[in-house]
Amino acid sequence: MGTPNFAVPILEGLLEAGYDIKAVVTQPDKKVGRKQIVTKTPVKIAAEAHDLKVYQPVKLSGSPELEELMELQADLIVTAAYGQFLPTKFLNSVRIAAVNVHGSLLPKYRGGAPIQYSLLNGDAQTGITIMEMVKKMDAGDMYAQKAIDILPEDTTGSLFDKLSLVGRDLLLETLPKIIDNSIEKVAQDESKVVFSPNISKDQEKISSKLTATQANNLIRALNPDPGAYIEMNGKRLKVWKAEVAEESTNIEPGCLVDNKGRFALSFAGGSVLNLLELQPAGKKAMNVKNFLNGQGSKFVAGERIFD
């Protein structure tokens, strides 16, 4: 059970290891982009390439698909970023265990956006937890964990790619021990629980109240989707890549520091952020050099640009 690219190596890994996949469950096809083209999920595409049976209930709970899935009497359920709650009766219908591949070091970052929050909060590490599924969100006992370092250039996109492979390998290492009951589960420490709810529309806006480091963390966390933006002259300027400048400034937050060879903005605490890849409203993403040849050249140092 999975939906985005994160889950594809996990499905492929299970197949390559010889597991018999009785069914694949993924979210319904969605309309994507300006042209609203109906698009299959990455997991559906992978499943169809292997001629696997695919289910796509809008809501799993109470659906005819759920009844069919329960009738399979599977040994295991494996979920990886599926995107829906699983009913308790479904979790209880399997012979061995319902297992989740979760993109954080639980109990930190239960919820739908664990990778984004590890970047937002400037964490040094993130990782994968293989855990038992229970009715309460991401609260089950843990079978295994593996940590990786977060690099300065990492984005949510790069961490998704890395963690999907870590998740695949850790799952394949752990599943045989779950099956033969040779692994000991560890309960999560409830006093250390941190939640990571899905990113809201309000969180996408870059505010001058942030430090340059916080703004850069937000940009990295929202790349590649949905993207962080500065509201400039009533229009959105998306920022896909930036770097924290070494110098500080006395210019108040929200102003242009420099647009001669770079596009540098002031943030809280006298910090400065160099914007490296930008996307003006209605245009394609561009590097800062191209931006400075057009829209970026119209501003004057010290001018207030955003709130």
C-alpha atoms as a PDB file:
ATOM      1  CA  MET A   1       0.000   0.000   0.000  1.00  0.00           C
ATOM      2  CA  GLY A   2       1.647   3.203  -1.189  1.00  0.00           C
ATOM      3  CA  THR A   3       1.246   6.173  -3.488  1.00  0.00           C
ATOM      4  CA  PRO A   4       4.249   8.422  -4.333  1.00  0.00           C
ATOM      5  CA  ASN A   5       7.693   7.700  -5.776  1.00  0.00           C
ATOM      6  CA  PHE A   6       8.942   7.034  -2.234  1.00  0.00           C
ATOM      7  CA  ALA A   7       6.991   3.755  -2.219  1.00  0.00           C
ATOM      8  CA  VAL A   8       8.098   2.463  -5.638  1.00  0.00           C
ATOM      9  CA  PRO A   9      11.551   1.053  -4.664  1.00  0.00           C
ATOM     10  CA  ILE A  10       9.874  -0.642  -1.699  1.00  0.00           C
ATOM     11  CA  LEU A  11       7.348  -2.405  -3.967  1.00  0.00           C
ATOM     12  CA  GLU A  12      10.089  -3.283  -6.469  1.00  0.00           C
ATOM     13  CA  GLY A  13      12.310  -4.570  -3.655  1.00  0.00           C
ATOM     14  CA  LEU A  14       9.606  -6.880  -2.345  1.00  0.00           C
ATOM     15  CA  LEU A  15       9.081  -8.299  -5.824  1.00  0.00           C
ATOM     16  CA  GLU A  16      12.810  -8.794  -6.443  1.00  0.00           C
ATOM     17  CA  ALA A  17      13.130 -10.561  -3.077  1.00  0.00           C
ATOM     18  CA  GLY A  18      10.487 -13.052  -4.161  1.00  0.00           C
ATOM     19  CA  TYR A  19       7.514 -11.941  -2.067  1.00  0.00           C
ATOM     20  CA  ASP A  20       4.134 -12.809  -3.571  1.00  0.00           C
ATOM     21  CA  ILE A  21       2.232  -9.524  -3.870  1.00  0.00           C
ATOM     22  CA  LYS A  22      -1.479 -10.332  -3.747  1.00  0.00           C
ATOM     23  CA  ALA A  23      -2.626  -6.745  -4.320  1.00  0.00           C
ATOM     24  CA  VAL A  24      -1.403  -3.164  -4.529  1.00  0.00           C
ATOM     25  CA  VAL A  25      -3.482  -0.383  -2.994  1.00  0.00           C
ATOM     26  CA  THR A  26      -2.861   3.235  -3.973  1.00  0.00           C
ATOM     27  CA  GLN A  27      -4.703   6.548  -4.036  1.00  0.00           C
ATOM     28  CA  PRO A  28      -7.093   7.327  -6.936  1.00  0.00           C
ATOM     29  CA  ASP A  29      -5.721   8.875 -10.131  1.00  0.00           C
ATOM     30  CA  LYS A  30      -5.555  12.677  -9.885  1.00  0.00           C
ATOM     31  CA  LYS A  31      -5.799  15.629 -12.235  1.00  0.00           C
ATOM     32  CA  VAL A  32      -2.359  17.230 -12.374  1.00  0.00           C
ATOM     33  CA  GLY A  33      -0.950  20.514 -13.703  1.00  0.00           C
ATOM     34  CA  ARG A  34      -2.498  23.412 -15.542  1.00  0.00           C
ATOM     35  CA  LYS A  35      -4.070  21.150 -18.152  1.00  0.00           C
ATOM     36  CA  GLN A  36      -5.547  18.965 -15.384  1.00  0.00           C
ATOM     37  CA  ILE A  37      -4.413  15.733 -17.011  1.00  0.00           C
ATOM     38  CA  VAL A  38      -5.607  12.635 -15.136  1.00  0.00           C
ATOM     39  CA  THR A  39      -2.402  10.994 -13.895  1.00  0.00           C
ATOM     40  CA  LYS A  40      -1.733   7.590 -12.361  1.00  0.00           C
ATOM     41  CA  THR A  41       0.178   7.412  -9.085  1.00  0.00           C
ATOM     42  CA  PRO A  42       3.818   6.259  -9.339  1.00  0.00           C
ATOM     43  CA  VAL A  43       2.925   3.097  -7.413  1.00  0.00           C
ATOM     44  CA  LYS A  44       0.098   2.270  -9.836  1.00  0.00           C
ATOM     45  CA  ILE A  45       2.457   2.668 -12.784  1.00  0.00           C
ATOM     46  CA  ALA A  46       4.978   0.319 -11.132  1.00  0.00           C
ATOM     47  CA  ALA A  47       2.287  -2.205 -10.200  1.00  0.00           C
ATOM     48  CA  GLU A  48       0.830  -2.307 -13.713  1.00  0.00           C
ATOM     49  CA  ALA A  49       4.318  -2.864 -15.145  1.00  0.00           C
ATOM     50  CA  HIS A  50       4.373  -6.106 -13.120  1.00  0.00           C
ATOM     51  CA  ASP A  51       0.748  -7.044 -13.929  1.00  0.00           C
ATOM     52  CA  LEU A  52      -0.282  -6.727 -10.279  1.00  0.00           C
ATOM     53  CA  LYS A  53      -3.874  -6.262  -9.177  1.00  0.00           C
ATOM     54  CA  VAL A  54      -4.422  -2.595  -8.237  1.00  0.00           C
ATOM     55  CA  TYR A  55      -7.099  -1.161  -5.932  1.00  0.00           C
ATOM     56  CA  GLN A  56      -7.795   2.598  -5.702  1.00  0.00           C
ATOM     57  CA  PRO A  57     -10.637   3.270  -3.262  1.00  0.00           C
ATOM     58  CA  VAL A  58     -11.431   6.942  -2.673  1.00  0.00           C
ATOM     59  CA  LYS A  59     -11.939   5.964   0.953  1.00  0.00           C
ATOM     60  CA  LEU A  60     -10.742   2.537   2.046  1.00  0.00           C
ATOM     61  CA  SER A  61     -12.908   2.328   5.164  1.00  0.00           C
ATOM     62  CA  GLY A  62     -16.331   0.854   4.377  1.00  0.00           C
ATOM     63  CA  SER A  63     -15.488   0.250   0.711  1.00  0.00           C
ATOM     64  CA  PRO A  64     -16.162  -2.901  -1.352  1.00  0.00           C
ATOM     65  CA  GLU A  65     -12.408  -2.951  -2.049  1.00  0.00           C
ATOM     66  CA  LEU A  66     -11.730  -3.336   1.675  1.00  0.00           C
ATOM     67  CA  GLU A  67     -13.884  -6.461   1.810  1.00  0.00           C
ATOM     68  CA  GLU A  68     -12.032  -7.936  -1.166  1.00  0.00           C
ATOM     69  CA  LEU A  69      -8.669  -7.160   0.404  1.00  0.00           C
ATOM     70  CA  MET A  70      -9.673  -8.806   3.677  1.00  0.00           C
ATOM     71  CA  GLU A  71     -10.812 -11.919   1.808  1.00  0.00           C
ATOM     72  CA  LEU A  72      -7.253 -12.326   0.472  1.00  0.00           C
ATOM     73  CA  GLN A  73      -6.184 -13.342   4.006  1.00  0.00           C
ATOM     74  CA  ALA A  74      -2.702 -12.028   3.343  1.00  0.00           C
ATOM     75  CA  ASP A  75       0.253 -12.798   5.583  1.00  0.00           C
ATOM     76  CA  LEU A  76       1.404  -9.182   5.631  1.00  0.00           C
ATOM     77  CA  ILE A  77       0.329  -5.648   4.877  1.00  0.00           C
ATOM     78  CA  VAL A  78       3.222  -3.347   3.971  1.00  0.00           C
ATOM     79  CA  THR A  79       2.491   0.379   3.737  1.00  0.00           C
ATOM     80  CA  ALA A  80       4.790   3.158   2.557  1.00  0.00           C
ATOM     81  CA  ALA A  81       3.307   6.663   2.251  1.00  0.00           C
ATOM     82  CA  TYR A  82      -0.139   5.340   1.302  1.00  0.00           C
ATOM     83  CA  GLY A  83      -2.077   8.371   2.540  1.00  0.00           C
ATOM     84  CA  GLN A  84      -5.162   6.896   4.235  1.00  0.00           C
ATOM     85  CA  PHE A  85      -5.971   5.410   7.628  1.00  0.00           C
ATOM     86  CA  LEU A  86      -6.381   1.643   7.655  1.00  0.00           C
ATOM     87  CA  PRO A  87      -9.383   0.256   9.567  1.00  0.00           C
ATOM     88  CA  THR A  88      -8.545  -1.876  12.611  1.00  0.00           C
ATOM     89  CA  LYS A  89     -10.426  -4.878  11.225  1.00  0.00           C
ATOM     90  CA  PHE A  90      -8.215  -4.736   8.137  1.00  0.00           C
ATOM     91  CA  LEU A  91      -5.033  -4.554  10.234  1.00  0.00           C
ATOM     92  CA  ASN A  92      -6.281  -7.546  12.213  1.00  0.00           C
ATOM     93  CA  SER A  93      -7.132  -9.545   9.081  1.00  0.00           C
ATOM     94  CA  VAL A  94      -3.536 -10.434   8.231  1.00  0.00           C
ATOM     95  CA  ARG A  95      -1.926 -13.631   9.463  1.00  0.00           C
ATOM     96  CA  ILE A  96       1.416 -12.177  10.597  1.00  0.00           C
ATOM     97  CA  ALA A  97       1.660  -8.378  10.774  1.00  0.00           C
ATOM     98  CA  ALA A  98       0.763  -4.999   9.293  1.00  0.00           C
ATOM     99  CA  VAL A  99       4.035  -3.131   8.810  1.00  0.00           C
ATOM    100  CA  ASN A 100       4.721   0.515   7.947  1.00  0.00           C
ATOM    101  CA  VAL A 101       7.856   2.044   6.410  1.00  0.00           C
ATOM    102  CA  HIS A 102       7.894   5.511   7.981  1.00  0.00           C
ATOM    103  CA  GLY A 103      10.203   8.353   6.933  1.00  0.00           C
ATOM    104  CA  SER A 104      11.426   9.513  10.332  1.00  0.00           C
ATOM    105  CA  LEU A 105      13.157   8.372  13.504  1.00  0.00           C
ATOM    106  CA  LEU A 106      10.042   7.747  15.577  1.00  0.00           C
ATOM    107  CA  PRO A 107       8.681   8.875  17.967  1.00  0.00           C
ATOM    108  CA  LYS A 108       9.846  12.104  16.306  1.00  0.00           C
ATOM    109  CA  TYR A 109       7.606  13.230  13.454  1.00  0.00           C
ATOM    110  CA  ARG A 110       4.504  11.133  13.471  1.00  0.00           C
ATOM    111  CA  GLY A 111       2.193  12.257  10.681  1.00  0.00           C
ATOM    112  CA  GLY A 112       2.130  13.057   7.000  1.00  0.00           C
ATOM    113  CA  ALA A 113       5.173  15.311   6.521  1.00  0.00           C
ATOM    114  CA  PRO A 114       8.079  13.843   8.538  1.00  0.00           C
ATOM    115  CA  ILE A 115      10.763  14.534   5.937  1.00  0.00           C
ATOM    116  CA  GLN A 116       9.642  18.145   5.459  1.00  0.00           C
ATOM    117  CA  TYR A 117       9.741  18.830   9.195  1.00  0.00           C
ATOM    118  CA  SER A 118      13.229  17.384   9.605  1.00  0.00           C
ATOM    119  CA  LEU A 119      14.393  20.073   7.167  1.00  0.00           C
ATOM    120  CA  LEU A 120      12.162  22.825   8.545  1.00  0.00           C
ATOM    121  CA  ASN A 121      13.607  22.308  11.997  1.00  0.00           C
ATOM    122  CA  GLY A 122      17.203  22.126  10.828  1.00  0.00           C
ATOM    123  CA  ASP A 123      17.766  18.565  12.072  1.00  0.00           C
ATOM    124  CA  ALA A 124      21.176  16.964  11.585  1.00  0.00           C
ATOM    125  CA  GLN A 125      19.685  13.530  10.872  1.00  0.00           C
ATOM    126  CA  THR A 126      16.553  11.809   9.676  1.00  0.00           C
ATOM    127  CA  GLY A 127      15.873   8.164   8.913  1.00  0.00           C
ATOM    128  CA  ILE A 128      13.486   5.257   8.527  1.00  0.00           C
ATOM    129  CA  THR A 129      11.460   3.378  11.122  1.00  0.00           C
ATOM    130  CA  ILE A 130       9.938  -0.023  10.376  1.00  0.00           C
ATOM    131  CA  MET A 131       6.976  -0.239  12.709  1.00  0.00           C
ATOM    132  CA  GLU A 132       3.864  -2.211  13.520  1.00  0.00           C
ATOM    133  CA  MET A 133       0.657  -0.548  12.362  1.00  0.00           C
ATOM    134  CA  VAL A 134      -2.014   0.229  14.942  1.00  0.00           C
ATOM    135  CA  LYS A 135      -5.193   2.312  14.847  1.00  0.00           C
ATOM    136  CA  LYS A 136      -3.460   5.404  16.286  1.00  0.00           C
ATOM    137  CA  MET A 137      -1.376   7.293  13.698  1.00  0.00           C
ATOM    138  CA  ASP A 138       2.267   6.145  13.580  1.00  0.00           C
ATOM    139  CA  ALA A 139       2.052   5.007  17.215  1.00  0.00           C
ATOM    140  CA  GLY A 140       2.868   1.308  16.832  1.00  0.00           C
ATOM    141  CA  ASP A 141       5.828  -0.545  18.283  1.00  0.00           C
ATOM    142  CA  MET A 142       9.096  -0.290  16.348  1.00  0.00           C
ATOM    143  CA  TYR A 143      10.871  -3.215  14.706  1.00  0.00           C
ATOM    144  CA  ALA A 144      13.937  -1.395  13.347  1.00  0.00           C
ATOM    145  CA  GLN A 145      15.428   2.040  12.651  1.00  0.00           C
ATOM    146  CA  LYS A 146      18.203   3.453  10.519  1.00  0.00           C
ATOM    147  CA  ALA A 147      19.466   7.063  10.551  1.00  0.00           C
ATOM    148  CA  ILE A 148      21.115   9.092   7.776  1.00  0.00           C
ATOM    149  CA  ASP A 149      22.749  12.514   7.897  1.00  0.00           C
ATOM    150  CA  ILE A 150      20.951  15.505   6.378  1.00  0.00           C
ATOM    151  CA  LEU A 151      23.398  17.337   4.105  1.00  0.00           C
ATOM    152  CA  PRO A 152      23.359  21.131   3.642  1.00  0.00           C
ATOM    153  CA  GLU A 153      22.218  20.741   0.020  1.00  0.00           C
ATOM    154  CA  ASP A 154      19.438  18.245   0.801  1.00  0.00           C
ATOM    155  CA  THR A 155      15.831  19.034  -0.074  1.00  0.00           C
ATOM    156  CA  THR A 156      12.666  17.070   0.600  1.00  0.00           C
ATOM    157  CA  GLY A 157      13.065  15.646  -2.908  1.00  0.00           C
ATOM    158  CA  SER A 158      16.606  14.381  -2.355  1.00  0.00           C
ATOM    159  CA  LEU A 159      15.736  12.979   1.087  1.00  0.00           C
ATOM    160  CA  PHE A 160      12.685  11.185  -0.330  1.00  0.00           C
ATOM    161  CA  ASP A 161      14.947   9.499  -2.874  1.00  0.00           C
ATOM    162  CA  LYS A 162      17.563   8.518  -0.287  1.00  0.00           C
ATOM    163  CA  LEU A 163      15.068   7.337   2.329  1.00  0.00           C
ATOM    164  CA  SER A 164      13.052   5.247  -0.116  1.00  0.00           C
ATOM    165  CA  LEU A 165      16.184   3.138  -0.706  1.00  0.00           C
ATOM    166  CA  VAL A 166      17.023   3.025   3.012  1.00  0.00           C
ATOM    167  CA  GLY A 167      13.405   2.002   3.670  1.00  0.00           C
ATOM    168  CA  ARG A 168      13.536  -0.733   1.034  1.00  0.00           C
ATOM    169  CA  ASP A 169      16.753  -2.223   2.384  1.00  0.00           C
ATOM    170  CA  LEU A 170      15.742  -1.996   6.046  1.00  0.00           C
ATOM    171  CA  LEU A 171      12.341  -3.547   5.300  1.00  0.00           C
ATOM    172  CA  LEU A 172      13.881  -6.460   3.408  1.00  0.00           C
ATOM    173  CA  GLU A 173      16.333  -6.998   6.250  1.00  0.00           C
ATOM    174  CA  THR A 174      13.574  -6.858   8.886  1.00  0.00           C
ATOM    175  CA  LEU A 175      10.678  -8.752   7.277  1.00  0.00           C
ATOM    176  CA  PRO A 176      12.180 -12.275   7.627  1.00  0.00           C
ATOM    177  CA  LYS A 177      12.657 -11.646  11.370  1.00  0.00           C
ATOM    178  CA  ILE A 178       9.032 -10.476  11.667  1.00  0.00           C
ATOM    179  CA  ILE A 179       7.863 -13.557   9.793  1.00  0.00           C
ATOM    180  CA  ASP A 180       9.799 -16.031  11.956  1.00  0.00           C
ATOM    181  CA  ASN A 181       9.068 -14.024  15.130  1.00  0.00           C
ATOM    182  CA  SER A 182      12.754 -13.596  15.994  1.00  0.00           C
ATOM    183  CA  ILE A 183      12.599  -9.822  16.363  1.00  0.00           C
ATOM    184  CA  GLU A 184      11.721  -7.891  19.495  1.00  0.00           C
ATOM    185  CA  LYS A 185       9.446  -4.882  19.128  1.00  0.00           C
ATOM    186  CA  VAL A 186      10.241  -1.693  21.031  1.00  0.00           C
ATOM    187  CA  ALA A 187       7.482   0.617  22.277  1.00  0.00           C
ATOM    188  CA  GLN A 188       7.722   4.308  21.396  1.00  0.00           C
ATOM    189  CA  ASP A 189       8.463   6.740  24.208  1.00  0.00           C
ATOM    190  CA  GLU A 190       5.255   8.784  24.353  1.00  0.00           C
ATOM    191  CA  SER A 191       7.033  11.620  26.181  1.00  0.00           C
ATOM    192  CA  LYS A 192       9.191  12.217  23.081  1.00  0.00           C
ATOM    193  CA  VAL A 193       6.419  12.267  20.482  1.00  0.00           C
ATOM    194  CA  VAL A 194       6.600  15.089  17.920  1.00  0.00           C
ATOM    195  CA  PHE A 195       3.944  15.522  15.205  1.00  0.00           C
ATOM    196  CA  SER A 196       4.472  16.553  11.583  1.00  0.00           C
ATOM    197  CA  PRO A 197       1.084  17.500  10.116  1.00  0.00           C
ATOM    198  CA  ASN A 198       0.788  18.082   6.373  1.00  0.00           C
ATOM    199  CA  ILE A 199       2.219  21.417   5.205  1.00  0.00           C
ATOM    200  CA  SER A 200      -0.460  24.133   5.143  1.00  0.00           C
ATOM    201  CA  LYS A 201      -0.875  26.898   2.547  1.00  0.00           C
ATOM    202  CA  ASP A 202       0.135  29.479   5.177  1.00  0.00           C
ATOM    203  CA  GLN A 203       3.476  27.744   5.717  1.00  0.00           C
ATOM    204  CA  GLU A 204       4.456  28.198   2.059  1.00  0.00           C
ATOM    205  CA  LYS A 205       5.013  31.959   2.429  1.00  0.00           C
ATOM    206  CA  ILE A 206       8.525  33.151   3.304  1.00  0.00           C
ATOM    207  CA  SER A 207       8.287  35.832   5.992  1.00  0.00           C
ATOM    208  CA  SER A 208      10.895  38.462   6.886  1.00  0.00           C
ATOM    209  CA  LYS A 209      10.295  37.460  10.528  1.00  0.00           C
ATOM    210  CA  LEU A 210      12.348  34.336   9.825  1.00  0.00           C
ATOM    211  CA  THR A 211      16.127  34.284  10.011  1.00  0.00           C
ATOM    212  CA  ALA A 212      17.966  33.550   6.761  1.00  0.00           C
ATOM    213  CA  THR A 213      18.670  30.021   8.030  1.00  0.00           C
ATOM    214  CA  GLN A 214      14.986  29.411   8.825  1.00  0.00           C
ATOM    215  CA  ALA A 215      13.966  30.758   5.414  1.00  0.00           C
ATOM    216  CA  ASN A 216      16.515  28.528   3.700  1.00  0.00           C
ATOM    217  CA  ASN A 217      15.251  25.508   5.659  1.00  0.00           C
ATOM    218  CA  LEU A 218      11.698  26.313   4.524  1.00  0.00           C
ATOM    219  CA  ILE A 219      12.817  26.561   0.888  1.00  0.00           C
ATOM    220  CA  ARG A 220      14.567  23.180   1.123  1.00  0.00           C
ATOM    221  CA  ALA A 221      11.587  21.589   2.896  1.00  0.00           C
ATOM    222  CA  LEU A 222       9.116  22.718   0.219  1.00  0.00           C
ATOM    223  CA  ASN A 223      11.258  21.683  -2.748  1.00  0.00           C
ATOM    224  CA  PRO A 224      10.040  20.089  -5.033  1.00  0.00           C
ATOM    225  CA  ASP A 225       6.448  20.522  -3.881  1.00  0.00           C
ATOM    226  CA  PRO A 226       4.667  22.883  -3.355  1.00  0.00           C
ATOM    227  CA  GLY A 227       7.525  25.419  -3.274  1.00  0.00           C
ATOM    228  CA  ALA A 228       8.107  28.330  -0.887  1.00  0.00           C
ATOM    229  CA  TYR A 229       7.432  31.855  -2.100  1.00  0.00           C
ATOM    230  CA  ILE A 230       7.996  35.534  -1.363  1.00  0.00           C
ATOM    231  CA  GLU A 231       5.059  37.833  -2.038  1.00  0.00           C
ATOM    232  CA  MET A 232       6.546  40.709  -4.005  1.00  0.00           C
ATOM    233  CA  ASN A 233       4.365  43.563  -5.333  1.00  0.00           C
ATOM    234  CA  GLY A 234       1.305  41.357  -4.828  1.00  0.00           C
ATOM    235  CA  LYS A 235       2.749  38.522  -6.905  1.00  0.00           C
ATOM    236  CA  ARG A 236       4.352  35.273  -5.839  1.00  0.00           C
ATOM    237  CA  LEU A 237       8.043  34.756  -6.473  1.00  0.00           C
ATOM    238  CA  LYS A 238       8.832  31.112  -5.816  1.00  0.00           C
ATOM    239  CA  VAL A 239      12.271  30.353  -4.452  1.00  0.00           C
ATOM    240  CA  TRP A 240      13.644  26.915  -5.259  1.00  0.00           C
ATOM    241  CA  LYS A 241      17.204  27.326  -4.055  1.00  0.00           C
ATOM    242  CA  ALA A 242      19.056  29.747  -1.786  1.00  0.00           C
ATOM    243  CA  GLU A 243      22.080  30.006   0.485  1.00  0.00           C
ATOM    244  CA  VAL A 244      22.692  31.800   3.756  1.00  0.00           C
ATOM    245  CA  ALA A 245      25.199  34.618   3.191  1.00  0.00           C
ATOM    246  CA  GLU A 246      28.213  34.872   5.455  1.00  0.00           C
ATOM    247  CA  GLU A 247      27.754  38.578   6.172  1.00  0.00           C
ATOM    248  CA  SER A 248      25.158  40.336   8.341  1.00  0.00           C
ATOM    249  CA  THR A 249      23.348  43.622   7.619  1.00  0.00           C
ATOM    250  CA  ASN A 250      21.877  46.609   9.428  1.00  0.00           C
ATOM    251  CA  ILE A 251      19.103  46.896   6.830  1.00  0.00           C
ATOM    252  CA  GLU A 252      15.704  46.039   8.309  1.00  0.00           C
ATOM    253  CA  PRO A 253      14.221  42.625   7.439  1.00  0.00           C
ATOM    254  CA  GLY A 254      12.341  42.323   4.148  1.00  0.00           C
ATOM    255  CA  CYS A 255      14.622  44.557   2.083  1.00  0.00           C
ATOM    256  CA  LEU A 256      17.006  44.180  -0.825  1.00  0.00           C
ATOM    257  CA  VAL A 257      20.611  44.036   0.338  1.00  0.00           C
ATOM    258  CA  ASP A 258      22.284  43.639  -3.062  1.00  0.00           C
ATOM    259  CA  ASN A 259      21.339  42.935  -6.686  1.00  0.00           C
ATOM    260  CA  LYS A 260      24.753  43.373  -8.292  1.00  0.00           C
ATOM    261  CA  GLY A 261      25.767  39.847  -9.291  1.00  0.00           C
ATOM    262  CA  ARG A 262      23.498  38.286  -6.680  1.00  0.00           C
ATOM    263  CA  PHE A 263      19.983  38.791  -5.292  1.00  0.00           C
ATOM    264  CA  ALA A 264      20.383  39.128  -1.526  1.00  0.00           C
ATOM    265  CA  LEU A 265      17.557  39.857   0.918  1.00  0.00           C
ATOM    266  CA  SER A 266      17.599  40.834   4.590  1.00  0.00           C
ATOM    267  CA  PHE A 267      15.982  38.665   7.239  1.00  0.00           C
ATOM    268  CA  ALA A 268      15.530  38.696  11.015  1.00  0.00           C
ATOM    269  CA  GLY A 269      18.563  39.216  13.243  1.00  0.00           C
ATOM    270  CA  GLY A 270      20.523  41.009  10.526  1.00  0.00           C
ATOM    271  CA  SER A 271      20.873  37.770   8.530  1.00  0.00           C
ATOM    272  CA  VAL A 272      21.119  37.724   4.732  1.00  0.00           C
ATOM    273  CA  LEU A 273      19.865  35.174   2.200  1.00  0.00           C
ATOM    274  CA  ASN A 274      21.139  34.866  -1.373  1.00  0.00           C
ATOM    275  CA  LEU A 275      18.404  33.622  -3.712  1.00  0.00           C
ATOM    276  CA  LEU A 276      19.884  31.286  -6.333  1.00  0.00           C
ATOM    277  CA  GLU A 277      16.949  29.791  -8.265  1.00  0.00           C
ATOM    278  CA  LEU A 278      13.683  31.671  -8.642  1.00  0.00           C
ATOM    279  CA  GLN A 279      10.386  31.425 -10.472  1.00  0.00           C
ATOM    280  CA  PRO A 280       8.372  34.611 -11.088  1.00  0.00           C
ATOM    281  CA  ALA A 281       4.592  34.160 -11.398  1.00  0.00           C
ATOM    282  CA  GLY A 282       3.633  32.706 -14.778  1.00  0.00           C
ATOM    283  CA  LYS A 283       7.222  31.890 -15.778  1.00  0.00           C
ATOM    284  CA  LYS A 284       9.589  28.947 -15.629  1.00  0.00           C
ATOM    285  CA  ALA A 285      12.197  28.548 -12.912  1.00  0.00           C
ATOM    286  CA  MET A 286      15.415  30.408 -13.678  1.00  0.00           C
ATOM    287  CA  ASN A 287      18.838  30.934 -12.166  1.00  0.00           C
ATOM    288  CA  VAL A 288      19.609  34.198 -10.400  1.00  0.00           C
ATOM    289  CA  LYS A 289      21.688  35.523 -13.301  1.00  0.00           C
ATOM    290  CA  ASN A 290      18.696  35.412 -15.658  1.00  0.00           C
ATOM    291  CA  PHE A 291      16.460  36.915 -12.955  1.00  0.00           C
ATOM    292  CA  LEU A 292      18.896  39.826 -12.484  1.00  0.00           C
ATOM    293  CA  ASN A 293      18.868  40.479 -16.225  1.00  0.00           C
ATOM    294  CA  GLY A 294      15.132  41.129 -15.980  1.00  0.00           C
ATOM    295  CA  GLN A 295      12.853  41.700 -13.016  1.00  0.00           C
ATOM    296  CA  GLY A 296      15.624  41.596 -10.417  1.00  0.00           C
ATOM    297  CA  SER A 297      17.423  44.621 -11.862  1.00  0.00           C
ATOM    298  CA  LYS A 298      14.535  46.999 -11.095  1.00  0.00           C
ATOM    299  CA  PHE A 299      15.077  47.125  -7.328  1.00  0.00           C
ATOM    300  CA  VAL A 300      17.333  49.430  -5.344  1.00  0.00           C
ATOM    301  CA  ALA A 301      19.449  48.379  -2.324  1.00  0.00           C
ATOM    302  CA  GLY A 302      17.581  49.166   0.900  1.00  0.00           C
ATOM    303  CA  GLU A 303      14.177  49.005  -0.829  1.00  0.00           C
ATOM    304  CA  ARG A 304      11.495  47.027   1.025  1.00  0.00           C
ATOM    305  CA  ILE A 305      10.509  44.053  -1.103  1.00  0.00           C
ATOM    306  CA  PHE A 306       8.463  41.735   1.123  1.00  0.00           C
ATOM    307  CA  ASP A 307       6.886  41.473   4.576  1.00  0.00           C
END
